[in-house]
N, C-alpha and C. Protein backbone atom coordinates (compact mmCIF):
# COMPACT_ATOMS: atom_id res chain seq x y z
N MET A 1 11.06 25.92 -7.74
CA MET A 1 11.94 24.79 -7.71
C MET A 1 12.57 24.64 -9.10
N THR A 2 13.80 24.18 -9.13
CA THR A 2 14.46 23.98 -10.42
C THR A 2 14.46 22.50 -10.79
N LEU A 3 14.73 22.23 -12.04
CA LEU A 3 14.82 20.85 -12.50
C LEU A 3 15.91 20.11 -11.73
N TYR A 4 16.97 20.80 -11.40
CA TYR A 4 18.08 20.22 -10.64
C TYR A 4 17.61 19.70 -9.28
N ASP A 5 16.63 20.37 -8.67
CA ASP A 5 16.14 20.02 -7.34
C ASP A 5 15.15 18.86 -7.32
N CYS A 6 14.64 18.46 -8.47
CA CYS A 6 13.63 17.40 -8.53
C CYS A 6 14.23 16.05 -8.16
N ASP A 7 13.43 15.24 -7.49
CA ASP A 7 13.85 13.89 -7.14
C ASP A 7 13.76 12.97 -8.35
N VAL A 8 14.58 11.96 -8.36
CA VAL A 8 14.56 10.96 -9.43
C VAL A 8 13.18 10.29 -9.47
N GLY A 9 12.65 10.14 -10.67
CA GLY A 9 11.36 9.50 -10.86
C GLY A 9 10.18 10.45 -10.84
N LYS A 10 10.39 11.67 -10.42
CA LYS A 10 9.29 12.64 -10.32
C LYS A 10 9.05 13.33 -11.65
N GLN A 11 7.77 13.53 -11.95
CA GLN A 11 7.40 14.28 -13.14
C GLN A 11 7.17 15.73 -12.75
N CYS A 12 7.51 16.61 -13.67
CA CYS A 12 7.31 18.03 -13.41
C CYS A 12 7.02 18.74 -14.72
N LYS A 13 6.45 19.92 -14.59
CA LYS A 13 6.12 20.74 -15.75
C LYS A 13 7.06 21.93 -15.78
N ILE A 14 7.61 22.20 -16.94
CA ILE A 14 8.52 23.33 -17.11
C ILE A 14 7.68 24.61 -17.14
N VAL A 15 8.05 25.58 -16.30
CA VAL A 15 7.27 26.82 -16.22
C VAL A 15 8.05 28.05 -16.66
N ALA A 16 9.38 28.02 -16.58
CA ALA A 16 10.17 29.20 -16.96
C ALA A 16 11.65 28.83 -17.06
N PHE A 17 12.40 29.78 -17.60
CA PHE A 17 13.85 29.66 -17.70
C PHE A 17 14.48 30.90 -17.10
N THR A 18 15.56 30.73 -16.33
CA THR A 18 16.21 31.88 -15.72
C THR A 18 17.38 32.40 -16.55
N THR A 19 17.84 31.62 -17.50
CA THR A 19 18.99 32.03 -18.30
C THR A 19 18.61 33.12 -19.31
N GLN A 20 19.53 34.01 -19.57
CA GLN A 20 19.36 35.02 -20.61
C GLN A 20 20.17 34.65 -21.86
N ASP A 21 20.83 33.52 -21.81
CA ASP A 21 21.68 33.04 -22.90
C ASP A 21 20.81 32.46 -24.01
N ASN A 22 20.70 33.17 -25.12
CA ASN A 22 19.85 32.72 -26.22
C ASN A 22 20.33 31.42 -26.84
N ALA A 23 21.64 31.21 -26.89
CA ALA A 23 22.17 29.95 -27.43
C ALA A 23 21.70 28.77 -26.58
N LEU A 24 21.71 28.94 -25.27
CA LEU A 24 21.26 27.87 -24.38
C LEU A 24 19.75 27.66 -24.53
N LYS A 25 18.99 28.73 -24.63
CA LYS A 25 17.54 28.61 -24.83
C LYS A 25 17.25 27.86 -26.14
N ASN A 26 18.00 28.17 -27.18
CA ASN A 26 17.82 27.47 -28.46
C ASN A 26 18.18 25.99 -28.33
N ARG A 27 19.21 25.70 -27.55
CA ARG A 27 19.60 24.30 -27.31
C ARG A 27 18.48 23.56 -26.60
N PHE A 28 17.91 24.19 -25.56
CA PHE A 28 16.78 23.58 -24.87
C PHE A 28 15.63 23.32 -25.84
N MET A 29 15.31 24.31 -26.66
CA MET A 29 14.21 24.18 -27.60
C MET A 29 14.46 23.04 -28.59
N SER A 30 15.70 22.88 -29.03
CA SER A 30 16.01 21.81 -29.98
C SER A 30 15.82 20.43 -29.36
N PHE A 31 15.91 20.34 -28.04
CA PHE A 31 15.69 19.08 -27.33
C PHE A 31 14.23 18.89 -26.94
N GLY A 32 13.38 19.88 -27.21
CA GLY A 32 11.98 19.79 -26.80
C GLY A 32 11.74 20.26 -25.39
N ILE A 33 12.73 20.91 -24.80
CA ILE A 33 12.59 21.44 -23.44
C ILE A 33 12.04 22.86 -23.57
N VAL A 34 10.70 22.95 -23.51
CA VAL A 34 10.01 24.22 -23.69
C VAL A 34 8.97 24.39 -22.58
N LYS A 35 8.50 25.62 -22.42
CA LYS A 35 7.52 25.94 -21.39
C LYS A 35 6.28 25.06 -21.55
N ASP A 36 5.75 24.62 -20.41
CA ASP A 36 4.55 23.78 -20.29
C ASP A 36 4.77 22.32 -20.68
N LYS A 37 5.99 21.94 -21.02
CA LYS A 37 6.29 20.54 -21.36
C LYS A 37 6.47 19.75 -20.06
N VAL A 38 5.98 18.51 -20.04
CA VAL A 38 6.15 17.63 -18.89
C VAL A 38 7.41 16.80 -19.10
N CYS A 39 8.21 16.69 -18.06
CA CYS A 39 9.43 15.88 -18.12
C CYS A 39 9.56 15.08 -16.83
N ARG A 40 10.45 14.10 -16.85
CA ARG A 40 10.69 13.26 -15.68
C ARG A 40 12.19 13.14 -15.47
N VAL A 41 12.62 13.31 -14.23
CA VAL A 41 14.03 13.15 -13.89
C VAL A 41 14.34 11.66 -13.83
N VAL A 42 15.31 11.23 -14.63
CA VAL A 42 15.69 9.82 -14.71
C VAL A 42 16.79 9.50 -13.71
N SER A 43 17.80 10.37 -13.64
CA SER A 43 18.90 10.12 -12.70
C SER A 43 19.75 11.38 -12.52
N HIS A 44 20.53 11.34 -11.47
CA HIS A 44 21.55 12.36 -11.21
C HIS A 44 22.89 11.64 -11.27
N SER A 45 23.90 12.30 -11.80
CA SER A 45 25.22 11.69 -11.85
C SER A 45 25.87 11.75 -10.47
N ILE A 46 26.99 11.07 -10.36
CA ILE A 46 27.77 11.14 -9.13
C ILE A 46 28.13 12.60 -8.87
N ARG A 47 28.00 13.01 -7.65
CA ARG A 47 28.24 14.41 -7.22
C ARG A 47 27.26 15.39 -7.86
N ARG A 48 26.21 14.87 -8.50
CA ARG A 48 25.12 15.68 -9.06
C ARG A 48 25.63 16.74 -10.05
N LEU A 49 26.61 16.38 -10.86
CA LEU A 49 27.13 17.31 -11.85
C LEU A 49 26.32 17.29 -13.14
N ALA A 50 25.43 16.31 -13.27
CA ALA A 50 24.56 16.22 -14.45
C ALA A 50 23.23 15.60 -14.04
N VAL A 51 22.21 15.91 -14.82
CA VAL A 51 20.86 15.40 -14.59
C VAL A 51 20.37 14.80 -15.90
N ALA A 52 19.85 13.58 -15.84
CA ALA A 52 19.23 12.97 -17.02
C ALA A 52 17.73 13.13 -16.90
N VAL A 53 17.10 13.66 -17.94
CA VAL A 53 15.66 13.85 -17.95
C VAL A 53 15.05 13.18 -19.18
N MET A 54 13.81 12.76 -19.05
CA MET A 54 13.07 12.17 -20.15
C MET A 54 12.03 13.20 -20.60
N VAL A 55 12.10 13.55 -21.89
CA VAL A 55 11.15 14.48 -22.48
C VAL A 55 10.59 13.83 -23.74
N GLU A 56 9.30 13.54 -23.73
CA GLU A 56 8.63 12.92 -24.88
C GLU A 56 9.39 11.71 -25.42
N GLY A 57 9.80 10.82 -24.52
CA GLY A 57 10.45 9.59 -24.94
C GLY A 57 11.93 9.71 -25.27
N THR A 58 12.49 10.89 -25.11
CA THR A 58 13.92 11.09 -25.38
C THR A 58 14.64 11.42 -24.08
N GLN A 59 15.70 10.69 -23.78
CA GLN A 59 16.49 10.96 -22.59
C GLN A 59 17.57 11.98 -22.93
N ILE A 60 17.66 13.02 -22.11
CA ILE A 60 18.58 14.13 -22.35
C ILE A 60 19.41 14.35 -21.10
N ALA A 61 20.72 14.50 -21.26
CA ALA A 61 21.60 14.81 -20.14
C ALA A 61 21.87 16.31 -20.13
N LEU A 62 21.68 16.92 -18.97
CA LEU A 62 21.93 18.35 -18.80
C LEU A 62 22.98 18.55 -17.72
N ARG A 63 23.85 19.51 -17.92
CA ARG A 63 24.80 19.88 -16.88
C ARG A 63 24.05 20.50 -15.71
N ASP A 64 24.66 20.48 -14.54
CA ASP A 64 23.99 21.02 -13.36
C ASP A 64 23.58 22.48 -13.54
N VAL A 65 24.43 23.28 -14.15
CA VAL A 65 24.14 24.70 -14.37
C VAL A 65 22.92 24.86 -15.27
N GLU A 66 22.81 24.02 -16.27
CA GLU A 66 21.66 24.08 -17.18
C GLU A 66 20.38 23.68 -16.45
N ALA A 67 20.43 22.59 -15.69
CA ALA A 67 19.25 22.13 -14.95
C ALA A 67 18.81 23.15 -13.91
N LYS A 68 19.75 23.89 -13.35
CA LYS A 68 19.41 24.92 -12.36
C LYS A 68 18.76 26.14 -13.00
N SER A 69 18.84 26.27 -14.31
CA SER A 69 18.23 27.42 -14.99
C SER A 69 16.82 27.12 -15.50
N ILE A 70 16.31 25.93 -15.21
CA ILE A 70 14.97 25.54 -15.65
C ILE A 70 14.06 25.47 -14.42
N ILE A 71 13.06 26.35 -14.39
CA ILE A 71 12.11 26.39 -13.28
C ILE A 71 10.96 25.44 -13.60
N VAL A 72 10.63 24.58 -12.64
CA VAL A 72 9.58 23.59 -12.85
C VAL A 72 8.62 23.59 -11.66
N GLU A 73 7.46 22.98 -11.88
CA GLU A 73 6.56 22.70 -10.77
C GLU A 73 6.27 21.21 -10.79
N PRO A 74 6.33 20.58 -9.62
CA PRO A 74 6.10 19.13 -9.56
C PRO A 74 4.64 18.81 -9.88
N LEU A 75 4.43 17.67 -10.51
CA LEU A 75 3.08 17.19 -10.81
C LEU A 75 2.69 16.15 -9.78
N GLU A 76 1.45 16.14 -9.40
CA GLU A 76 0.96 15.15 -8.43
C GLU A 76 0.93 13.78 -9.07
N SER A 77 1.27 12.78 -8.30
CA SER A 77 1.29 11.40 -8.82
C SER A 77 -0.07 10.77 -8.70
């Protein structure tokens, strides 16, 4: 499942990245979006063109393409 597919309010753990773009991987890392990090989907924009996620107390907006390149596993509530 990708971060894009997660429901609002759900927590998930980042397990992998599908992108080969090193600049994008570095951007993720600068935001604290790294493997094994827990995040929560805060909202989806209209038409789901962006996803807002909370990572360690920081809200980050990702484009749909970026969110689709982050593989996650949902955490049990």
